[in-house]
């Protein structure tokens, strides 16, 4: 007995099944990409006491208030506070490998204030920041470099050398740059604690408001990175 042949009908069924399978595979792939793009962006705020929130309750520290502001705008993010009070750029270089864990996608780098307060040679500060940025670049981590500014009291030579560090490194490593972390807050008594150095809760609000657009650019850079979808799917 000859096996029954379904002829053209069998080929039609095969095509329909193949089309269904292709549609399902495409749908799964697209949903995977969508999930990857919508997954929380993992950010580390890497700095000193200005990041750690010296003299403030945890919810008033810069990373916590920044996270709240971003979430209020609909961003899905996770921000870790890797601020260490008293830390210099050299100290930051020594701890960057373990302070910025695997899986970190972006870093807000805000170090240099203590170098300034201690009058550390700007060449030392530049070398340490360069080392930190090199390590982060090697790990394919996006960076927002927040600068500091030396005052006239440090002397013209020191002021010129120190203030040139941050824009030069931002250009060298092609990272986002926010010129002065304490913009709008420094020297304003109403926005600082009694020491006149560390911002109070209201001062942190000003910092967050001013730096927020640049942080949003940082998040957009992470989400537009093709390798992100590949890692998440």
N, C-alpha and C. Protein backbone atom coordinates (compact mmCIF):
# COMPACT_ATOMS: atom_id res chain seq x y z
N UNK A 1 0.85 -1.19 0.00
CA UNK A 1 0.00 0.00 0.00
C UNK A 1 0.89 1.25 0.00
N UNK A 2 0.65 2.13 -0.92
CA UNK A 2 1.45 3.35 -1.05
C UNK A 2 1.06 4.34 0.05
N UNK A 3 2.07 5.00 0.65
CA UNK A 3 1.73 6.02 1.66
C UNK A 3 0.98 7.16 1.01
N UNK A 4 0.05 7.64 1.75
CA UNK A 4 -0.81 8.71 1.21
C UNK A 4 -0.03 10.01 1.11
N UNK A 5 -0.15 10.69 0.03
CA UNK A 5 0.54 11.97 -0.18
C UNK A 5 -0.45 13.11 -0.02
N UNK A 6 -0.01 14.12 0.74
CA UNK A 6 -0.89 15.28 0.95
C UNK A 6 -0.57 16.41 -0.01
N UNK A 7 0.47 16.23 -0.82
CA UNK A 7 0.79 17.16 -1.91
C UNK A 7 0.89 18.59 -1.47
N UNK A 8 0.22 19.47 -2.19
CA UNK A 8 0.30 20.91 -1.98
C UNK A 8 -0.20 21.30 -0.58
N UNK A 9 -1.18 20.54 -0.07
CA UNK A 9 -1.71 20.86 1.25
C UNK A 9 -0.63 20.69 2.33
N UNK A 10 0.19 19.64 2.21
CA UNK A 10 1.27 19.41 3.18
C UNK A 10 2.27 20.56 3.15
N UNK A 11 2.63 21.00 1.94
CA UNK A 11 3.58 22.10 1.85
C UNK A 11 3.00 23.38 2.45
N UNK A 12 1.72 23.59 2.29
CA UNK A 12 1.06 24.77 2.84
C UNK A 12 1.08 24.73 4.37
N UNK A 13 0.81 23.53 4.91
CA UNK A 13 0.84 23.37 6.36
C UNK A 13 2.24 23.65 6.90
N UNK A 14 3.26 23.12 6.19
CA UNK A 14 4.64 23.33 6.61
C UNK A 14 4.99 24.81 6.63
N UNK A 15 4.54 25.53 5.62
CA UNK A 15 4.83 26.96 5.54
C UNK A 15 4.15 27.72 6.68
N UNK A 16 2.91 27.34 6.98
CA UNK A 16 2.18 28.00 8.06
C UNK A 16 2.87 27.77 9.40
N UNK A 17 3.28 26.50 9.62
CA UNK A 17 3.97 26.16 10.87
C UNK A 17 5.28 26.94 10.97
N UNK A 18 6.05 26.99 9.86
CA UNK A 18 7.32 27.72 9.85
C UNK A 18 7.10 29.19 10.15
N UNK A 19 6.03 29.77 9.60
CA UNK A 19 5.72 31.18 9.83
C UNK A 19 5.39 31.43 11.29
N UNK A 20 4.63 30.50 11.89
CA UNK A 20 4.26 30.64 13.30
C UNK A 20 5.50 30.58 14.18
N UNK A 21 6.39 29.62 13.88
CA UNK A 21 7.61 29.47 14.66
C UNK A 21 8.47 30.73 14.55
N UNK A 22 8.61 31.25 13.32
CA UNK A 22 9.41 32.45 13.11
C UNK A 22 8.83 33.64 13.87
N UNK A 23 7.50 33.75 13.86
CA UNK A 23 6.83 34.84 14.57
C UNK A 23 7.08 34.75 16.07
N UNK A 24 6.98 33.51 16.60
CA UNK A 24 7.21 33.32 18.03
C UNK A 24 8.64 33.65 18.42
N UNK A 25 9.60 33.20 17.59
CA UNK A 25 11.01 33.47 17.88
C UNK A 25 11.28 34.97 17.85
N UNK A 26 10.71 35.65 16.86
CA UNK A 26 10.90 37.09 16.74
C UNK A 26 10.30 37.82 17.94
N UNK A 27 9.11 37.34 18.36
CA UNK A 27 8.44 37.97 19.49
C UNK A 27 9.26 37.82 20.76
N UNK A 28 9.80 36.62 20.95
CA UNK A 28 10.63 36.37 22.13
C UNK A 28 11.87 37.25 22.09
N UNK A 29 12.49 37.34 20.92
CA UNK A 29 13.69 38.17 20.78
C UNK A 29 13.42 39.62 21.07
N UNK A 30 12.32 40.14 20.52
CA UNK A 30 11.98 41.53 20.72
C UNK A 30 11.63 41.81 22.17
N UNK A 31 10.93 40.87 22.80
CA UNK A 31 10.57 41.07 24.21
C UNK A 31 11.81 41.06 25.07
N UNK A 32 12.80 40.22 24.68
CA UNK A 32 14.05 40.18 25.42
C UNK A 32 14.79 41.49 25.33
N UNK A 33 14.82 42.08 24.14
CA UNK A 33 15.47 43.37 23.96
C UNK A 33 14.75 44.45 24.76
N UNK A 34 13.40 44.39 24.73
CA UNK A 34 12.61 45.38 25.48
C UNK A 34 12.88 45.27 26.97
N UNK A 35 12.93 44.03 27.47
CA UNK A 35 13.22 43.83 28.88
C UNK A 35 14.61 44.35 29.24
N UNK A 36 15.56 44.11 28.35
CA UNK A 36 16.93 44.58 28.59
C UNK A 36 16.98 46.10 28.66
N UNK A 37 16.28 46.76 27.74
CA UNK A 37 16.30 48.21 27.70
C UNK A 37 15.60 48.82 28.90
N UNK A 38 14.59 48.11 29.44
CA UNK A 38 13.83 48.63 30.57
C UNK A 38 14.38 48.19 31.92
N UNK A 39 15.38 47.31 31.92
CA UNK A 39 15.98 46.87 33.17
C UNK A 39 16.63 48.05 33.88
N UNK A 40 16.64 48.04 35.21
CA UNK A 40 17.24 49.15 35.95
C UNK A 40 18.70 49.39 35.55
N UNK A 41 19.06 50.64 35.34
CA UNK A 41 20.45 51.00 35.06
C UNK A 41 21.17 51.05 36.40
N UNK A 42 22.27 50.31 36.51
CA UNK A 42 23.01 50.22 37.77
C UNK A 42 24.13 51.25 37.80
N UNK A 43 23.98 52.20 38.72
CA UNK A 43 24.91 53.33 38.82
C UNK A 43 25.62 53.30 40.18
N UNK A 44 26.88 53.67 40.18
CA UNK A 44 27.63 53.83 41.43
C UNK A 44 28.04 55.30 41.55
N UNK A 45 27.67 55.92 42.66
CA UNK A 45 28.12 57.28 42.96
C UNK A 45 29.43 57.13 43.75
N UNK A 46 30.53 57.46 43.09
CA UNK A 46 31.87 57.18 43.61
C UNK A 46 32.55 58.48 44.00
N UNK A 47 32.67 58.71 45.30
CA UNK A 47 33.24 59.99 45.71
C UNK A 47 33.69 60.01 47.15
N UNK A 48 33.63 61.20 47.75
CA UNK A 48 34.09 61.42 49.12
C UNK A 48 32.90 61.75 50.02
N UNK A 49 33.11 62.60 51.02
CA UNK A 49 32.04 62.94 51.96
C UNK A 49 30.87 63.65 51.29
N UNK A 50 31.13 64.35 50.21
CA UNK A 50 30.06 65.04 49.48
C UNK A 50 29.09 64.03 48.87
N UNK A 51 29.61 62.87 48.55
CA UNK A 51 28.78 61.78 48.03
C UNK A 51 28.21 60.95 49.18
N UNK A 52 29.05 60.66 50.17
CA UNK A 52 28.63 59.81 51.29
C UNK A 52 27.47 60.42 52.07
N UNK A 53 27.41 61.75 52.11
CA UNK A 53 26.34 62.42 52.86
C UNK A 53 26.76 62.76 54.28
N UNK A 54 27.98 63.23 54.42
CA UNK A 54 28.51 63.59 55.73
C UNK A 54 27.57 64.53 56.47
N UNK A 55 27.26 64.18 57.75
CA UNK A 55 26.42 65.03 58.58
C UNK A 55 24.94 64.98 58.27
N UNK A 56 24.54 64.08 57.37
CA UNK A 56 23.14 64.00 56.95
C UNK A 56 22.58 62.60 57.18
N UNK A 57 21.28 62.48 57.42
CA UNK A 57 20.67 61.15 57.46
C UNK A 57 20.71 60.53 56.07
N UNK A 58 20.72 59.21 56.01
CA UNK A 58 20.86 58.49 54.74
C UNK A 58 19.98 59.00 53.61
N UNK A 59 18.68 59.22 53.85
CA UNK A 59 17.79 59.66 52.77
C UNK A 59 18.13 61.03 52.19
N UNK A 60 18.94 61.82 52.92
CA UNK A 60 19.30 63.15 52.43
C UNK A 60 20.64 63.19 51.71
N UNK A 61 21.34 62.05 51.65
CA UNK A 61 22.61 62.00 50.94
C UNK A 61 22.38 62.15 49.44
N UNK A 62 23.39 62.62 48.76
CA UNK A 62 23.28 62.87 47.32
C UNK A 62 22.77 61.67 46.52
N UNK A 63 23.33 60.46 46.68
CA UNK A 63 22.85 59.33 45.87
C UNK A 63 21.38 59.02 46.10
N UNK A 64 20.93 59.11 47.36
CA UNK A 64 19.53 58.80 47.67
C UNK A 64 18.59 59.84 47.07
N UNK A 65 18.94 61.10 47.20
CA UNK A 65 18.08 62.15 46.64
C UNK A 65 18.10 62.14 45.12
N UNK A 66 19.24 61.81 44.53
CA UNK A 66 19.32 61.70 43.08
C UNK A 66 18.45 60.55 42.59
N UNK A 67 18.51 59.42 43.27
CA UNK A 67 17.68 58.26 42.89
C UNK A 67 16.20 58.61 42.96
N UNK A 68 15.80 59.32 44.02
CA UNK A 68 14.39 59.71 44.17
C UNK A 68 13.96 60.65 43.05
N UNK A 69 14.83 61.58 42.68
CA UNK A 69 14.50 62.53 41.61
C UNK A 69 14.36 61.83 40.26
N UNK A 70 15.23 60.87 40.00
CA UNK A 70 15.17 60.12 38.74
C UNK A 70 13.94 59.24 38.67
N UNK A 71 13.62 58.58 39.78
CA UNK A 71 12.44 57.71 39.80
C UNK A 71 11.16 58.53 39.65
N UNK A 72 11.18 59.74 40.19
CA UNK A 72 10.02 60.62 40.03
C UNK A 72 9.79 60.99 38.57
N UNK A 73 10.85 60.93 37.77
CA UNK A 73 10.75 61.23 36.34
C UNK A 73 10.54 59.96 35.51
N UNK A 74 10.33 58.83 36.19
CA UNK A 74 10.02 57.59 35.50
C UNK A 74 11.22 56.73 35.13
N UNK A 75 12.40 57.10 35.62
CA UNK A 75 13.60 56.32 35.32
C UNK A 75 13.68 55.09 36.23
N UNK A 76 14.07 53.96 35.66
CA UNK A 76 14.31 52.76 36.45
C UNK A 76 15.82 52.62 36.64
N UNK A 77 16.24 52.88 37.87
CA UNK A 77 17.68 52.92 38.17
C UNK A 77 17.95 52.34 39.55
N UNK A 78 19.21 51.98 39.76
CA UNK A 78 19.69 51.61 41.09
C UNK A 78 20.99 52.38 41.31
N UNK A 79 21.05 53.16 42.39
CA UNK A 79 22.25 53.94 42.67
C UNK A 79 22.87 53.50 43.98
N UNK A 80 24.12 53.04 43.92
CA UNK A 80 24.85 52.64 45.12
C UNK A 80 25.71 53.80 45.60
N UNK A 81 25.73 54.01 46.90
CA UNK A 81 26.53 55.08 47.49
C UNK A 81 27.92 54.54 47.82
N UNK A 82 28.91 54.91 47.01
CA UNK A 82 30.30 54.50 47.24
C UNK A 82 31.13 55.71 47.62
N UNK A 83 30.55 56.56 48.47
CA UNK A 83 31.28 57.71 48.96
C UNK A 83 31.99 57.38 50.26
N UNK A 84 33.22 57.82 50.39
CA UNK A 84 34.02 57.59 51.60
C UNK A 84 34.53 58.95 52.10
N UNK A 85 34.08 59.34 53.27
CA UNK A 85 34.50 60.64 53.82
C UNK A 85 36.01 60.71 53.97
N UNK A 86 36.58 61.82 53.55
CA UNK A 86 38.02 62.03 53.65
C UNK A 86 38.82 61.45 52.52
N UNK A 87 38.15 60.77 51.59
CA UNK A 87 38.88 60.09 50.51
C UNK A 87 39.49 61.10 49.53
N UNK A 88 40.70 60.80 49.09
CA UNK A 88 41.36 61.57 48.04
C UNK A 88 41.25 60.81 46.73
N UNK A 89 41.72 61.42 45.67
CA UNK A 89 41.70 60.71 44.39
C UNK A 89 42.62 59.49 44.42
N UNK A 90 43.72 59.59 45.14
CA UNK A 90 44.63 58.45 45.26
C UNK A 90 43.95 57.31 46.02
N UNK A 91 43.21 57.64 47.06
CA UNK A 91 42.45 56.63 47.78
C UNK A 91 41.39 56.00 46.89
N UNK A 92 40.79 56.82 46.07
CA UNK A 92 39.78 56.31 45.14
C UNK A 92 40.36 55.33 44.15
N UNK A 93 41.56 55.64 43.67
CA UNK A 93 42.22 54.74 42.72
C UNK A 93 42.51 53.38 43.38
N UNK A 94 42.87 53.42 44.64
CA UNK A 94 43.20 52.18 45.36
C UNK A 94 41.99 51.29 45.58
N UNK A 95 40.80 51.89 45.66
CA UNK A 95 39.61 51.09 45.98
C UNK A 95 38.61 50.94 44.84
N UNK A 96 38.89 51.53 43.71
CA UNK A 96 37.90 51.54 42.64
C UNK A 96 37.49 50.14 42.19
N UNK A 97 38.41 49.20 42.19
CA UNK A 97 38.08 47.86 41.70
C UNK A 97 37.02 47.17 42.55
N UNK A 98 37.08 47.37 43.87
CA UNK A 98 36.08 46.71 44.72
C UNK A 98 34.91 47.62 45.08
N UNK A 99 35.08 48.91 44.95
CA UNK A 99 33.97 49.83 45.24
C UNK A 99 32.98 49.91 44.09
N UNK A 100 33.44 49.55 42.90
CA UNK A 100 32.58 49.52 41.71
C UNK A 100 32.43 48.06 41.30
N UNK A 101 31.39 47.39 41.78
CA UNK A 101 31.26 45.94 41.57
C UNK A 101 30.91 45.55 40.14
N UNK A 102 31.07 44.28 39.84
CA UNK A 102 30.67 43.76 38.53
C UNK A 102 29.18 44.03 38.32
N UNK A 103 28.82 44.34 37.10
CA UNK A 103 27.43 44.65 36.80
C UNK A 103 27.13 46.13 36.79
N UNK A 104 28.08 46.93 37.31
CA UNK A 104 27.89 48.38 37.28
C UNK A 104 27.92 48.86 35.83
N UNK A 105 26.97 49.71 35.47
CA UNK A 105 26.88 50.21 34.10
C UNK A 105 27.32 51.66 33.96
N UNK A 106 27.27 52.40 35.06
CA UNK A 106 27.65 53.81 35.00
C UNK A 106 28.19 54.25 36.35
N UNK A 107 29.11 55.22 36.30
CA UNK A 107 29.70 55.77 37.52
C UNK A 107 29.63 57.29 37.48
N UNK A 108 29.20 57.87 38.59
CA UNK A 108 29.30 59.32 38.77
C UNK A 108 30.56 59.53 39.61
N UNK A 109 31.60 60.03 38.99
CA UNK A 109 32.90 60.17 39.64
C UNK A 109 33.05 61.58 40.19
N UNK A 110 33.04 61.69 41.52
CA UNK A 110 33.09 63.00 42.16
C UNK A 110 34.17 63.00 43.25
N UNK A 111 35.41 62.97 42.84
CA UNK A 111 36.55 63.01 43.76
C UNK A 111 37.46 64.20 43.43
N UNK A 112 38.18 64.65 44.45
CA UNK A 112 39.12 65.74 44.21
C UNK A 112 39.01 66.86 45.23
N UNK A 113 37.90 66.91 45.97
CA UNK A 113 37.71 67.98 46.94
C UNK A 113 38.75 67.91 48.06
N UNK A 114 39.05 66.69 48.53
CA UNK A 114 40.01 66.56 49.62
C UNK A 114 41.44 66.81 49.15
N UNK A 115 41.72 66.49 47.89
CA UNK A 115 43.02 66.85 47.33
C UNK A 115 43.20 68.36 47.42
N UNK A 116 42.14 69.07 47.09
CA UNK A 116 42.16 70.53 47.10
C UNK A 116 42.34 71.07 48.52
N UNK A 117 41.58 70.53 49.47
CA UNK A 117 41.66 70.99 50.85
C UNK A 117 43.03 70.74 51.46
N UNK A 118 43.69 69.68 51.01
CA UNK A 118 45.01 69.33 51.56
C UNK A 118 46.16 69.93 50.75
N UNK A 119 45.82 70.62 49.67
CA UNK A 119 46.85 71.24 48.85
C UNK A 119 47.74 70.23 48.14
N UNK A 120 47.17 69.08 47.82
CA UNK A 120 47.94 68.04 47.12
C UNK A 120 48.33 68.53 45.73
N UNK A 121 49.52 68.18 45.31
CA UNK A 121 50.02 68.58 43.99
C UNK A 121 49.01 68.16 42.91
N UNK A 122 48.55 69.10 42.08
CA UNK A 122 47.59 68.77 41.03
C UNK A 122 48.06 67.64 40.12
N UNK A 123 49.37 67.48 39.97
CA UNK A 123 49.88 66.39 39.13
C UNK A 123 49.51 65.03 39.73
N UNK A 124 49.50 64.95 41.06
CA UNK A 124 49.13 63.72 41.76
C UNK A 124 47.64 63.45 41.57
N UNK A 125 46.85 64.49 41.71
CA UNK A 125 45.40 64.37 41.52
C UNK A 125 45.07 63.91 40.10
N UNK A 126 45.71 64.54 39.14
CA UNK A 126 45.46 64.18 37.74
C UNK A 126 45.83 62.73 37.45
N UNK A 127 46.97 62.30 37.97
CA UNK A 127 47.41 60.92 37.73
C UNK A 127 46.44 59.91 38.31
N UNK A 128 45.93 60.19 39.51
CA UNK A 128 44.99 59.27 40.15
C UNK A 128 43.65 59.22 39.41
N UNK A 129 43.13 60.38 39.06
CA UNK A 129 41.86 60.41 38.31
C UNK A 129 42.01 59.73 36.95
N UNK A 130 43.15 59.95 36.32
CA UNK A 130 43.43 59.30 35.03
C UNK A 130 43.40 57.78 35.21
N UNK A 131 43.99 57.31 36.31
CA UNK A 131 43.99 55.87 36.57
C UNK A 131 42.60 55.31 36.79
N UNK A 132 41.77 56.06 37.52
CA UNK A 132 40.39 55.62 37.76
C UNK A 132 39.62 55.54 36.44
N UNK A 133 39.73 56.59 35.64
CA UNK A 133 39.01 56.63 34.37
C UNK A 133 39.48 55.52 33.43
N UNK A 134 40.77 55.23 33.45
CA UNK A 134 41.30 54.16 32.60
C UNK A 134 40.71 52.81 33.01
N UNK A 135 40.61 52.57 34.30
CA UNK A 135 40.05 51.31 34.80
C UNK A 135 38.57 51.18 34.40
N UNK A 136 37.83 52.26 34.54
CA UNK A 136 36.41 52.22 34.21
C UNK A 136 36.19 52.05 32.71
N UNK A 137 37.03 52.69 31.91
CA UNK A 137 36.94 52.53 30.46
C UNK A 137 37.21 51.09 30.06
N UNK A 138 38.21 50.48 30.69
CA UNK A 138 38.57 49.10 30.39
C UNK A 138 37.40 48.15 30.68
N UNK A 139 36.57 48.54 31.64
CA UNK A 139 35.41 47.71 32.01
C UNK A 139 34.15 48.12 31.26
N UNK A 140 34.30 49.04 30.32
CA UNK A 140 33.17 49.50 29.49
C UNK A 140 32.05 50.11 30.34
N UNK A 141 32.45 50.86 31.36
CA UNK A 141 31.49 51.53 32.23
C UNK A 141 31.40 53.00 31.83
N UNK A 142 30.17 53.47 31.62
CA UNK A 142 29.97 54.88 31.27
C UNK A 142 30.25 55.75 32.49
N UNK A 143 30.77 56.95 32.25
CA UNK A 143 31.18 57.81 33.36
C UNK A 143 30.65 59.23 33.19
N UNK A 144 30.23 59.79 34.31
CA UNK A 144 29.98 61.23 34.40
C UNK A 144 31.03 61.76 35.38
N UNK A 145 31.93 62.59 34.88
CA UNK A 145 32.98 63.17 35.71
C UNK A 145 32.50 64.52 36.25
N UNK A 146 32.39 64.59 37.59
CA UNK A 146 31.99 65.84 38.24
C UNK A 146 33.23 66.55 38.74
N UNK A 147 33.45 67.76 38.27
CA UNK A 147 34.66 68.48 38.61
C UNK A 147 34.56 69.27 39.90
N UNK A 148 35.72 69.75 40.33
CA UNK A 148 35.81 70.68 41.46
C UNK A 148 36.59 71.90 40.97
N UNK A 149 36.51 72.97 41.75
CA UNK A 149 37.20 74.21 41.37
C UNK A 149 37.98 74.75 42.56
N UNK A 150 39.23 75.08 42.31
CA UNK A 150 40.06 75.69 43.34
C UNK A 150 39.77 77.19 43.42
N UNK A 151 39.84 77.71 44.62
CA UNK A 151 39.60 79.14 44.82
C UNK A 151 40.86 79.97 44.70
N UNK A 152 40.69 81.27 44.72
CA UNK A 152 41.82 82.20 44.59
C UNK A 152 42.81 82.06 45.75
N UNK A 153 42.30 81.59 46.89
CA UNK A 153 43.15 81.49 48.06
C UNK A 153 44.27 80.45 47.91
N UNK A 154 44.16 79.59 46.90
CA UNK A 154 45.18 78.56 46.68
C UNK A 154 46.36 79.09 45.87
N UNK A 155 46.22 80.30 45.37
CA UNK A 155 47.29 80.86 44.54
C UNK A 155 46.97 80.64 43.07
N UNK A 156 47.39 81.57 42.24
CA UNK A 156 47.04 81.53 40.83
C UNK A 156 47.56 80.29 40.12
N UNK A 157 48.79 79.90 40.42
CA UNK A 157 49.39 78.74 39.75
C UNK A 157 48.63 77.46 40.10
N UNK A 158 48.37 77.28 41.39
CA UNK A 158 47.65 76.07 41.83
C UNK A 158 46.24 76.06 41.22
N UNK A 159 45.57 77.19 41.28
CA UNK A 159 44.21 77.30 40.75
C UNK A 159 44.18 76.92 39.28
N UNK A 160 45.10 77.44 38.50
CA UNK A 160 45.13 77.16 37.06
C UNK A 160 45.37 75.68 36.78
N UNK A 161 46.35 75.11 37.48
CA UNK A 161 46.71 73.70 37.24
C UNK A 161 45.59 72.76 37.70
N UNK A 162 45.04 73.04 38.87
CA UNK A 162 44.00 72.17 39.42
C UNK A 162 42.72 72.22 38.56
N UNK A 163 42.28 73.41 38.25
CA UNK A 163 41.02 73.57 37.52
C UNK A 163 41.08 73.00 36.10
N UNK A 164 42.29 72.85 35.57
CA UNK A 164 42.43 72.31 34.21
C UNK A 164 42.33 70.79 34.18
N UNK A 165 42.47 70.14 35.32
CA UNK A 165 42.50 68.67 35.36
C UNK A 165 41.23 68.05 34.81
N UNK A 166 40.10 68.49 35.31
CA UNK A 166 38.84 67.80 35.04
C UNK A 166 38.37 67.91 33.58
N UNK A 167 38.34 69.12 33.00
CA UNK A 167 37.95 69.19 31.58
C UNK A 167 38.91 68.44 30.67
N UNK A 168 40.20 68.46 31.01
CA UNK A 168 41.18 67.76 30.17
C UNK A 168 40.96 66.26 30.19
N UNK A 169 40.69 65.70 31.36
CA UNK A 169 40.46 64.26 31.46
C UNK A 169 39.12 63.86 30.84
N UNK A 170 38.12 64.71 30.99
CA UNK A 170 36.82 64.43 30.37
C UNK A 170 36.97 64.33 28.85
N UNK A 171 37.78 65.22 28.30
CA UNK A 171 38.03 65.20 26.87
C UNK A 171 38.85 63.99 26.47
N UNK A 172 39.87 63.67 27.25
CA UNK A 172 40.75 62.54 26.94
C UNK A 172 39.98 61.23 26.89
N UNK A 173 39.06 61.04 27.83
CA UNK A 173 38.32 59.77 27.90
C UNK A 173 36.93 59.86 27.29
N UNK A 174 36.60 61.03 26.74
CA UNK A 174 35.31 61.22 26.06
C UNK A 174 34.15 60.81 26.96
N UNK A 175 34.13 61.39 28.17
CA UNK A 175 33.06 61.11 29.12
C UNK A 175 32.25 62.37 29.37
N UNK A 176 31.05 62.18 29.89
CA UNK A 176 30.22 63.33 30.25
C UNK A 176 30.90 64.12 31.35
N UNK A 177 30.73 65.44 31.28
CA UNK A 177 31.44 66.32 32.23
C UNK A 177 30.48 67.33 32.84
N UNK A 178 30.49 67.37 34.17
CA UNK A 178 29.75 68.39 34.92
C UNK A 178 30.80 69.24 35.63
N UNK A 179 31.00 70.48 35.23
CA UNK A 179 32.17 71.26 35.64
C UNK A 179 32.39 71.43 37.14
N UNK A 180 31.31 71.61 37.92
CA UNK A 180 31.51 71.91 39.35
C UNK A 180 30.41 71.24 40.16
N UNK A 181 30.79 70.22 40.92
CA UNK A 181 29.81 69.45 41.68
C UNK A 181 29.00 70.33 42.64
N UNK A 182 29.64 71.34 43.22
CA UNK A 182 28.97 72.20 44.20
C UNK A 182 28.40 73.48 43.58
N UNK A 183 28.16 73.44 42.29
CA UNK A 183 27.61 74.62 41.60
C UNK A 183 26.30 75.06 42.26
N UNK A 184 26.23 76.36 42.60
CA UNK A 184 25.04 76.91 43.21
C UNK A 184 24.95 76.71 44.71
N UNK A 185 25.92 75.98 45.27
CA UNK A 185 25.88 75.65 46.71
C UNK A 185 27.09 76.20 47.46
N UNK A 186 28.27 76.11 46.85
CA UNK A 186 29.49 76.56 47.51
C UNK A 186 29.39 78.01 47.95
N UNK A 187 29.82 78.27 49.15
CA UNK A 187 29.88 79.60 49.79
C UNK A 187 28.51 80.15 50.22
N UNK A 188 27.44 79.43 49.95
CA UNK A 188 26.10 79.88 50.36
C UNK A 188 25.80 79.29 51.74
N UNK A 189 25.80 80.12 52.75
CA UNK A 189 25.61 79.64 54.13
C UNK A 189 24.29 78.91 54.32
N UNK A 190 23.28 79.36 53.63
CA UNK A 190 21.95 78.76 53.78
C UNK A 190 21.88 77.34 53.25
N UNK A 191 22.85 76.98 52.40
CA UNK A 191 22.82 75.66 51.75
C UNK A 191 23.91 74.72 52.28
N UNK A 192 24.63 75.19 53.30
CA UNK A 192 25.73 74.39 53.85
C UNK A 192 25.57 74.18 55.35
N UNK A 193 26.24 73.13 55.84
CA UNK A 193 26.27 72.88 57.27
C UNK A 193 27.17 73.90 57.95
N UNK A 194 27.29 73.82 59.24
CA UNK A 194 28.04 74.83 59.99
C UNK A 194 29.51 74.92 59.59
N UNK A 195 30.04 73.81 59.07
CA UNK A 195 31.46 73.85 58.67
C UNK A 195 31.69 74.65 57.40
N UNK A 196 30.62 75.00 56.71
CA UNK A 196 30.74 75.79 55.49
C UNK A 196 31.28 75.02 54.30
N UNK A 197 31.45 73.72 54.45
CA UNK A 197 32.03 72.89 53.40
C UNK A 197 31.03 71.87 52.85
N UNK A 198 30.31 71.23 53.78
CA UNK A 198 29.40 70.16 53.38
C UNK A 198 27.97 70.68 53.23
N UNK A 199 27.31 70.36 52.13
CA UNK A 199 25.95 70.84 51.92
C UNK A 199 24.97 70.23 52.92
N UNK A 200 23.96 71.02 53.29
CA UNK A 200 22.88 70.48 54.09
C UNK A 200 21.84 69.86 53.14
N UNK A 201 20.71 69.43 53.67
CA UNK A 201 19.71 68.77 52.84
C UNK A 201 19.23 69.67 51.70
N UNK A 202 19.04 70.95 52.00
CA UNK A 202 18.61 71.89 50.96
C UNK A 202 19.70 72.06 49.91
N UNK A 203 20.95 72.04 50.35
CA UNK A 203 22.05 72.15 49.41
C UNK A 203 22.12 70.94 48.48
N UNK A 204 21.88 69.77 49.03
CA UNK A 204 21.87 68.56 48.21
C UNK A 204 20.76 68.65 47.16
N UNK A 205 19.63 69.21 47.56
CA UNK A 205 18.52 69.38 46.60
C UNK A 205 18.97 70.22 45.40
N UNK A 206 19.74 71.28 45.67
CA UNK A 206 20.23 72.14 44.59
C UNK A 206 21.20 71.37 43.70
N UNK A 207 22.11 70.62 44.31
CA UNK A 207 23.06 69.82 43.53
C UNK A 207 22.32 68.86 42.62
N UNK A 208 21.36 68.16 43.19
CA UNK A 208 20.60 67.17 42.40
C UNK A 208 19.86 67.83 41.25
N UNK A 209 19.21 68.94 41.52
CA UNK A 209 18.46 69.64 40.48
C UNK A 209 19.35 70.07 39.33
N UNK A 210 20.55 70.55 39.64
CA UNK A 210 21.44 71.07 38.60
C UNK A 210 22.15 69.97 37.81
N UNK A 211 22.49 68.88 38.49
CA UNK A 211 23.23 67.82 37.80
C UNK A 211 22.29 66.83 37.11
N UNK A 212 21.01 66.87 37.44
CA UNK A 212 20.05 65.88 36.94
C UNK A 212 20.04 65.72 35.42
N UNK A 213 20.01 66.80 34.63
CA UNK A 213 20.01 66.63 33.17
C UNK A 213 21.23 65.86 32.65
N UNK A 214 22.38 66.08 33.27
CA UNK A 214 23.59 65.38 32.84
C UNK A 214 23.53 63.91 33.22
N UNK A 215 22.94 63.62 34.38
CA UNK A 215 22.77 62.22 34.79
C UNK A 215 21.79 61.52 33.84
N UNK A 216 20.78 62.23 33.40
CA UNK A 216 19.84 61.65 32.45
C UNK A 216 20.54 61.32 31.13
N UNK A 217 21.49 62.16 30.73
CA UNK A 217 22.30 61.86 29.54
C UNK A 217 23.11 60.59 29.76
N UNK A 218 23.65 60.45 30.96
CA UNK A 218 24.42 59.26 31.31
C UNK A 218 23.57 58.00 31.18
N UNK A 219 22.36 58.05 31.70
CA UNK A 219 21.45 56.91 31.63
C UNK A 219 21.10 56.59 30.18
N UNK A 220 20.89 57.62 29.38
CA UNK A 220 20.58 57.42 27.96
C UNK A 220 21.74 56.74 27.25
N UNK A 221 22.96 57.11 27.61
CA UNK A 221 24.13 56.47 27.01
C UNK A 221 24.15 54.98 27.33
N UNK A 222 23.83 54.64 28.56
CA UNK A 222 23.81 53.23 28.97
C UNK A 222 22.75 52.47 28.19
N UNK A 223 21.56 53.03 28.12
CA UNK A 223 20.45 52.33 27.46
C UNK A 223 20.66 52.18 25.96
N UNK A 224 21.40 53.09 25.36
CA UNK A 224 21.63 53.02 23.91
C UNK A 224 22.82 52.15 23.54
N UNK A 225 23.50 51.63 24.53
CA UNK A 225 24.67 50.79 24.28
C UNK A 225 24.23 49.42 23.76
N UNK A 226 24.58 49.06 22.52
CA UNK A 226 24.14 47.77 21.94
C UNK A 226 24.56 46.57 22.79
N UNK A 227 25.68 46.68 23.44
CA UNK A 227 26.16 45.54 24.25
C UNK A 227 25.27 45.28 25.46
N UNK A 228 24.46 46.28 25.85
CA UNK A 228 23.58 46.09 27.00
C UNK A 228 22.52 45.05 26.73
N UNK A 229 21.90 45.14 25.55
CA UNK A 229 20.89 44.15 25.18
C UNK A 229 21.48 42.76 25.09
N UNK A 230 22.69 42.68 24.58
CA UNK A 230 23.34 41.38 24.45
C UNK A 230 23.61 40.74 25.81
N UNK A 231 23.96 41.58 26.80
CA UNK A 231 24.24 41.06 28.13
C UNK A 231 22.97 40.64 28.85
N UNK A 232 21.87 41.36 28.62
CA UNK A 232 20.66 41.13 29.38
C UNK A 232 19.79 40.01 28.82
N UNK A 233 19.98 39.69 27.52
CA UNK A 233 19.12 38.68 26.90
C UNK A 233 19.78 37.32 26.97
